[in-house]
N, C-alpha and C. Protein backbone atom coordinates (compact mmCIF):
# COMPACT_ATOMS: atom_id res chain seq x y z
N MET A 1 0.84 -1.17 0.00
CA MET A 1 0.00 0.00 0.00
C MET A 1 0.90 1.24 0.00
N ILE A 2 0.62 2.15 -0.88
CA ILE A 2 1.37 3.39 -0.95
C ILE A 2 0.61 4.45 -0.14
N ILE A 3 1.31 5.06 0.80
CA ILE A 3 0.71 6.12 1.61
C ILE A 3 0.93 7.43 0.85
N THR A 4 -0.15 7.96 0.30
CA THR A 4 -0.07 9.19 -0.49
C THR A 4 -0.32 10.40 0.41
N ARG A 5 -0.06 11.58 -0.13
CA ARG A 5 -0.35 12.80 0.61
C ARG A 5 -1.84 12.89 0.93
N THR A 6 -2.66 12.51 -0.03
CA THR A 6 -4.12 12.56 0.17
C THR A 6 -4.54 11.64 1.31
N GLU A 7 -4.00 10.43 1.32
CA GLU A 7 -4.33 9.48 2.39
C GLU A 7 -3.85 9.99 3.74
N LEU A 8 -2.66 10.57 3.76
CA LEU A 8 -2.13 11.10 5.01
C LEU A 8 -3.00 12.25 5.53
N ILE A 9 -3.48 13.09 4.66
CA ILE A 9 -4.38 14.18 5.06
C ILE A 9 -5.66 13.62 5.65
N LYS A 10 -6.21 12.57 5.03
CA LYS A 10 -7.43 11.95 5.55
C LYS A 10 -7.21 11.39 6.95
N ILE A 11 -6.05 10.78 7.15
CA ILE A 11 -5.73 10.21 8.47
C ILE A 11 -5.59 11.33 9.50
N CYS A 12 -4.92 12.41 9.13
CA CYS A 12 -4.77 13.55 10.04
C CYS A 12 -6.12 14.19 10.34
N ASP A 13 -6.98 14.28 9.35
CA ASP A 13 -8.32 14.83 9.56
C ASP A 13 -9.10 13.98 10.56
N LYS A 14 -8.97 12.66 10.46
CA LYS A 14 -9.65 11.77 11.41
C LYS A 14 -9.13 11.99 12.82
N TYR A 15 -7.83 12.20 12.95
CA TYR A 15 -7.26 12.47 14.26
C TYR A 15 -7.81 13.78 14.82
N LEU A 16 -7.83 14.81 13.99
CA LEU A 16 -8.33 16.12 14.43
C LEU A 16 -9.82 16.09 14.78
N ALA A 17 -10.56 15.19 14.15
CA ALA A 17 -11.99 15.05 14.43
C ALA A 17 -12.25 14.06 15.57
N ASP A 18 -11.19 13.65 16.26
CA ASP A 18 -11.28 12.69 17.37
C ASP A 18 -11.82 11.33 16.95
N GLU A 19 -11.60 10.97 15.69
CA GLU A 19 -11.99 9.64 15.21
C GLU A 19 -10.84 8.64 15.37
N LEU A 20 -9.65 9.16 15.60
CA LEU A 20 -8.46 8.35 15.88
C LEU A 20 -7.81 8.88 17.15
N SER A 21 -7.33 7.98 17.98
CA SER A 21 -6.63 8.42 19.19
C SER A 21 -5.17 8.70 18.85
N LYS A 22 -4.50 9.37 19.75
CA LYS A 22 -3.07 9.65 19.59
C LYS A 22 -2.30 8.34 19.48
N GLU A 23 -2.68 7.37 20.28
CA GLU A 23 -2.00 6.07 20.26
C GLU A 23 -2.18 5.37 18.92
N GLU A 24 -3.38 5.44 18.35
CA GLU A 24 -3.63 4.83 17.05
C GLU A 24 -2.82 5.51 15.96
N LEU A 25 -2.71 6.82 16.04
CA LEU A 25 -1.92 7.57 15.05
C LEU A 25 -0.45 7.22 15.16
N ILE A 26 0.06 7.13 16.37
CA ILE A 26 1.46 6.75 16.57
C ILE A 26 1.70 5.33 16.10
N HIS A 27 0.77 4.44 16.39
CA HIS A 27 0.90 3.04 15.95
C HIS A 27 0.94 2.96 14.42
N PHE A 28 0.07 3.71 13.76
CA PHE A 28 0.05 3.73 12.29
C PHE A 28 1.40 4.22 11.74
N ALA A 29 1.87 5.35 12.25
CA ALA A 29 3.13 5.92 11.76
C ALA A 29 4.30 4.97 11.99
N THR A 30 4.34 4.36 13.16
CA THR A 30 5.41 3.41 13.48
C THR A 30 5.35 2.20 12.57
N THR A 31 4.16 1.71 12.33
CA THR A 31 3.98 0.55 11.44
C THR A 31 4.49 0.85 10.03
N VAL A 32 4.14 2.02 9.52
CA VAL A 32 4.58 2.40 8.17
C VAL A 32 6.09 2.60 8.12
N MET A 33 6.63 3.30 9.09
CA MET A 33 8.05 3.65 9.07
C MET A 33 8.96 2.42 9.26
N PHE A 34 8.53 1.46 10.07
CA PHE A 34 9.38 0.32 10.39
C PHE A 34 8.84 -0.99 9.83
N ASP A 35 8.14 -0.91 8.72
CA ASP A 35 7.55 -2.07 8.06
C ASP A 35 8.64 -2.95 7.46
N GLU A 36 8.82 -4.13 8.03
CA GLU A 36 9.85 -5.05 7.54
C GLU A 36 9.36 -5.92 6.39
N GLU A 37 8.07 -5.98 6.20
CA GLU A 37 7.49 -6.83 5.15
C GLU A 37 7.23 -6.05 3.87
N ASP A 38 7.56 -4.77 3.86
CA ASP A 38 7.36 -3.90 2.70
C ASP A 38 5.90 -3.85 2.24
N LYS A 39 4.97 -3.86 3.22
CA LYS A 39 3.56 -3.72 2.89
C LYS A 39 3.19 -2.26 2.65
N TYR A 40 3.98 -1.36 3.24
CA TYR A 40 3.70 0.07 3.13
C TYR A 40 4.86 0.81 2.49
N GLU A 41 4.52 1.81 1.72
CA GLU A 41 5.53 2.64 1.08
C GLU A 41 5.00 4.08 1.04
N CYS A 42 5.89 5.03 1.30
CA CYS A 42 5.49 6.44 1.27
C CYS A 42 5.61 6.96 -0.16
N GLU A 43 4.64 7.79 -0.53
CA GLU A 43 4.60 8.37 -1.88
C GLU A 43 5.86 9.19 -2.17
N ASP A 44 6.29 9.97 -1.18
CA ASP A 44 7.47 10.80 -1.38
C ASP A 44 8.11 11.13 -0.03
N GLU A 45 9.17 11.91 -0.07
CA GLU A 45 9.91 12.23 1.14
C GLU A 45 9.10 13.07 2.12
N LEU A 46 8.20 13.90 1.62
CA LEU A 46 7.38 14.73 2.50
C LEU A 46 6.49 13.86 3.38
N VAL A 47 5.85 12.87 2.80
CA VAL A 47 4.99 11.95 3.56
C VAL A 47 5.84 11.23 4.60
N GLU A 48 6.99 10.77 4.21
CA GLU A 48 7.89 10.06 5.12
C GLU A 48 8.32 10.98 6.27
N GLU A 49 8.65 12.21 5.97
CA GLU A 49 9.08 13.17 6.99
C GLU A 49 7.96 13.44 7.99
N ILE A 50 6.74 13.61 7.50
CA ILE A 50 5.61 13.88 8.38
C ILE A 50 5.35 12.68 9.29
N LEU A 51 5.42 11.49 8.74
CA LEU A 51 5.18 10.30 9.56
C LEU A 51 6.28 10.11 10.61
N SER A 52 7.49 10.49 10.27
CA SER A 52 8.58 10.33 11.24
C SER A 52 8.48 11.33 12.39
N GLN A 53 7.77 12.42 12.15
CA GLN A 53 7.62 13.42 13.21
C GLN A 53 6.59 12.94 14.21
């Protein structure tokens, strides 16, 4: 799955609307950043930078 800027915005919007908890958001970012099975890929460096923050 490629994490695009659009998808990342949707995820952030869910967090801001209290549809995702802080823990769920951190879990998602950690899963994407440290994916050893290559199930996730960032669209570009900006998406990767935002997730690492």
